[in-house]
Amino acid sequence: MAENPDESSSILQNAGYVLLSPDRLVFVAAEGKSFSTLRDFLVIVDLSTGIARPVIKTVDIPKAQLQRTGENPAFVKVDGIEPNDKDSVKLLLPPGEYGSSSIVVALPQ
């Protein structure tokens, strides 16, 4: 929980989440006060050290993979997330919006 509202993040529930292996949870989150300042990214929660001591990492969504940007170049509308392999996820994008229906994002170890 952030003490300063400008530093808070929100989980984008419509995209869902994915559990990779038995101990890595991945979901899309965003921060910003309005759509024009919104920025989204992936959150990876590593539960291998136990649920009481998770290791949390963030990864930027690789917007350079998009054929075109949306209204806000720092924000990508994600319709869903699914596993690609043990070290990456596929983000499902709105058809026609970005020139691609999905992008693959590599995750850090």
C-alpha atoms as a PDB file:
ATOM      1  CA  MET A   1       0.000   0.000   0.000  1.00  0.00           C
ATOM      2  CA  ALA A   2       1.488   3.335  -1.014  1.00  0.00           C
ATOM      3  CA  GLU A   3       1.278   6.252   1.406  1.00  0.00           C
ATOM      4  CA  ASN A   4       1.245   8.745  -1.460  1.00  0.00           C
ATOM      5  CA  PRO A   5      -1.698   8.206  -3.871  1.00  0.00           C
ATOM      6  CA  ASP A   6       0.538   9.304  -6.769  1.00  0.00           C
ATOM      7  CA  GLU A   7       2.699   6.222  -6.141  1.00  0.00           C
ATOM      8  CA  SER A   8      -0.106   3.666  -5.948  1.00  0.00           C
ATOM      9  CA  SER A   9      -0.704   0.903  -8.483  1.00  0.00           C
ATOM     10  CA  SER A  10      -3.856  -0.922  -9.531  1.00  0.00           C
ATOM     11  CA  ILE A  11      -4.322  -4.470 -10.709  1.00  0.00           C
ATOM     12  CA  LEU A  12      -6.057  -4.587 -14.080  1.00  0.00           C
ATOM     13  CA  GLN A  13      -8.583  -7.317 -13.332  1.00  0.00           C
ATOM     14  CA  ASN A  14     -10.002  -7.707 -16.841  1.00  0.00           C
ATOM     15  CA  ALA A  15      -6.661  -9.063 -18.072  1.00  0.00           C
ATOM     16  CA  GLY A  16      -6.668 -11.858 -15.475  1.00  0.00           C
ATOM     17  CA  TYR A  17      -3.577 -13.595 -14.193  1.00  0.00           C
ATOM     18  CA  VAL A  18      -1.531 -16.684 -14.917  1.00  0.00           C
ATOM     19  CA  LEU A  19       0.297 -19.102 -12.635  1.00  0.00           C
ATOM     20  CA  LEU A  20       3.575 -20.293 -14.152  1.00  0.00           C
ATOM     21  CA  SER A  21       5.040 -23.384 -12.542  1.00  0.00           C
ATOM     22  CA  PRO A  22       3.731 -23.880  -9.053  1.00  0.00           C
ATOM     23  CA  ASP A  23       5.273 -20.708  -7.686  1.00  0.00           C
ATOM     24  CA  ARG A  24       5.151 -17.715 -10.106  1.00  0.00           C
ATOM     25  CA  LEU A  25       2.038 -15.575 -10.387  1.00  0.00           C
ATOM     26  CA  VAL A  26       1.939 -13.004 -13.221  1.00  0.00           C
ATOM     27  CA  PHE A  27      -0.612 -10.230 -13.776  1.00  0.00           C
ATOM     28  CA  VAL A  28      -0.963  -6.784 -15.369  1.00  0.00           C
ATOM     29  CA  ALA A  29      -0.956  -3.671 -13.173  1.00  0.00           C
ATOM     30  CA  ALA A  30      -1.047   0.049 -13.912  1.00  0.00           C
ATOM     31  CA  GLU A  31      -0.156   3.305 -12.231  1.00  0.00           C
ATOM     32  CA  GLY A  32      -1.226   6.857 -12.911  1.00  0.00           C
ATOM     33  CA  LYS A  33      -4.012   9.235 -11.994  1.00  0.00           C
ATOM     34  CA  SER A  34      -5.786   9.546 -15.352  1.00  0.00           C
ATOM     35  CA  PHE A  35      -5.719   7.765 -18.696  1.00  0.00           C
ATOM     36  CA  SER A  36      -3.238  10.242 -20.143  1.00  0.00           C
ATOM     37  CA  THR A  37      -0.746   9.511 -17.322  1.00  0.00           C
ATOM     38  CA  LEU A  38      -1.489   5.774 -17.034  1.00  0.00           C
ATOM     39  CA  ARG A  39       1.375   3.306 -17.503  1.00  0.00           C
ATOM     40  CA  ASP A  40       0.947  -0.464 -17.356  1.00  0.00           C
ATOM     41  CA  PHE A  41       3.421  -3.254 -16.657  1.00  0.00           C
ATOM     42  CA  LEU A  42       3.603  -6.894 -15.580  1.00  0.00           C
ATOM     43  CA  VAL A  43       3.996  -7.956 -11.963  1.00  0.00           C
ATOM     44  CA  ILE A  44       5.713 -11.266 -11.228  1.00  0.00           C
ATOM     45  CA  VAL A  45       5.194 -12.658  -7.731  1.00  0.00           C
ATOM     46  CA  ASP A  46       7.708 -15.399  -6.929  1.00  0.00           C
ATOM     47  CA  LEU A  47       6.303 -17.589  -4.171  1.00  0.00           C
ATOM     48  CA  SER A  48       9.207 -20.075  -4.089  1.00  0.00           C
ATOM     49  CA  THR A  49      10.354 -18.650  -0.732  1.00  0.00           C
ATOM     50  CA  GLY A  50       6.864 -19.081   0.714  1.00  0.00           C
ATOM     51  CA  ILE A  51       3.682 -17.071   0.728  1.00  0.00           C
ATOM     52  CA  ALA A  52       4.860 -15.047   3.741  1.00  0.00           C
ATOM     53  CA  ARG A  53       7.996 -13.836   1.893  1.00  0.00           C
ATOM     54  CA  PRO A  54       7.187 -13.369  -1.790  1.00  0.00           C
ATOM     55  CA  VAL A  55       9.692 -11.760  -4.143  1.00  0.00           C
ATOM     56  CA  ILE A  56       7.979  -9.217  -6.389  1.00  0.00           C
ATOM     57  CA  LYS A  57       9.413  -7.979  -9.688  1.00  0.00           C
ATOM     58  CA  THR A  58       7.962  -5.761 -12.393  1.00  0.00           C
ATOM     59  CA  VAL A  59       8.548  -5.882 -16.139  1.00  0.00           C
ATOM     60  CA  ASP A  60       7.617  -3.241 -18.683  1.00  0.00           C
ATOM     61  CA  ILE A  61       5.341  -4.359 -21.485  1.00  0.00           C
ATOM     62  CA  PRO A  62       7.527  -4.243 -24.621  1.00  0.00           C
ATOM     63  CA  LYS A  63       5.603  -1.620 -26.542  1.00  0.00           C
ATOM     64  CA  ALA A  64       8.236  -1.658 -29.315  1.00  0.00           C
ATOM     65  CA  GLN A  65       6.746  -5.023 -30.389  1.00  0.00           C
ATOM     66  CA  LEU A  66       3.481  -3.266 -31.288  1.00  0.00           C
ATOM     67  CA  GLN A  67       2.941  -2.276 -34.903  1.00  0.00           C
ATOM     68  CA  ARG A  68       1.215   0.905 -33.704  1.00  0.00           C
ATOM     69  CA  THR A  69       0.453   2.572 -30.368  1.00  0.00           C
ATOM     70  CA  GLY A  70      -2.925   3.437 -28.932  1.00  0.00           C
ATOM     71  CA  GLU A  71      -4.162   6.776 -27.597  1.00  0.00           C
ATOM     72  CA  ASN A  72      -1.657   6.627 -24.726  1.00  0.00           C
ATOM     73  CA  PRO A  73       1.729   5.244 -25.875  1.00  0.00           C
ATOM     74  CA  ALA A  74       2.630   4.242 -22.283  1.00  0.00           C
ATOM     75  CA  PHE A  75      -0.488   2.089 -21.842  1.00  0.00           C
ATOM     76  CA  VAL A  76      -1.526  -1.093 -23.645  1.00  0.00           C
ATOM     77  CA  LYS A  77      -5.065  -2.443 -23.298  1.00  0.00           C
ATOM     78  CA  VAL A  78      -4.653  -6.111 -22.396  1.00  0.00           C
ATOM     79  CA  ASP A  79      -7.672  -8.381 -22.853  1.00  0.00           C
ATOM     80  CA  GLY A  80      -6.032 -11.449 -21.362  1.00  0.00           C
ATOM     81  CA  ILE A  81      -2.842 -13.171 -20.323  1.00  0.00           C
ATOM     82  CA  GLU A  82      -1.822 -16.772 -20.883  1.00  0.00           C
ATOM     83  CA  PRO A  83       1.315 -18.858 -20.430  1.00  0.00           C
ATOM     84  CA  ASN A  84       3.648 -19.005 -23.430  1.00  0.00           C
ATOM     85  CA  ASP A  85       6.345 -21.167 -21.823  1.00  0.00           C
ATOM     86  CA  LYS A  86       7.940 -21.406 -18.367  1.00  0.00           C
ATOM     87  CA  ASP A  87       9.741 -18.063 -18.792  1.00  0.00           C
ATOM     88  CA  SER A  88       7.268 -15.971 -20.804  1.00  0.00           C
ATOM     89  CA  VAL A  89       3.622 -14.993 -21.110  1.00  0.00           C
ATOM     90  CA  LYS A  90       1.444 -14.021 -24.057  1.00  0.00           C
ATOM     91  CA  LEU A  91      -0.611 -10.848 -23.688  1.00  0.00           C
ATOM     92  CA  LEU A  92      -3.845 -10.906 -25.673  1.00  0.00           C
ATOM     93  CA  LEU A  93      -4.663  -7.521 -27.222  1.00  0.00           C
ATOM     94  CA  PRO A  94      -7.884  -6.060 -28.650  1.00  0.00           C
ATOM     95  CA  PRO A  95      -8.198  -7.080 -32.318  1.00  0.00           C
ATOM     96  CA  GLY A  96      -7.179  -4.297 -34.677  1.00  0.00           C
ATOM     97  CA  GLU A  97      -6.072  -1.833 -32.005  1.00  0.00           C
ATOM     98  CA  TYR A  98      -2.289  -2.326 -32.095  1.00  0.00           C
ATOM     99  CA  GLY A  99      -1.788  -4.118 -35.409  1.00  0.00           C
ATOM    100  CA  SER A 100      -1.230  -7.402 -33.582  1.00  0.00           C
ATOM    101  CA  SER A 101      -3.518  -9.668 -31.567  1.00  0.00           C
ATOM    102  CA  SER A 102      -0.840 -10.594 -29.018  1.00  0.00           C
ATOM    103  CA  ILE A 103       2.713 -10.035 -27.844  1.00  0.00           C
ATOM    104  CA  VAL A 104       5.057 -12.338 -25.929  1.00  0.00           C
ATOM    105  CA  VAL A 105       6.842 -10.979 -22.881  1.00  0.00           C
ATOM    106  CA  ALA A 106       9.961 -12.663 -21.486  1.00  0.00           C
ATOM    107  CA  LEU A 107      10.085 -12.782 -17.693  1.00  0.00           C
ATOM    108  CA  PRO A 108      13.171 -12.409 -15.499  1.00  0.00           C
ATOM    109  CA  GLN A 109      14.358 -15.402 -13.503  1.00  0.00           C
END
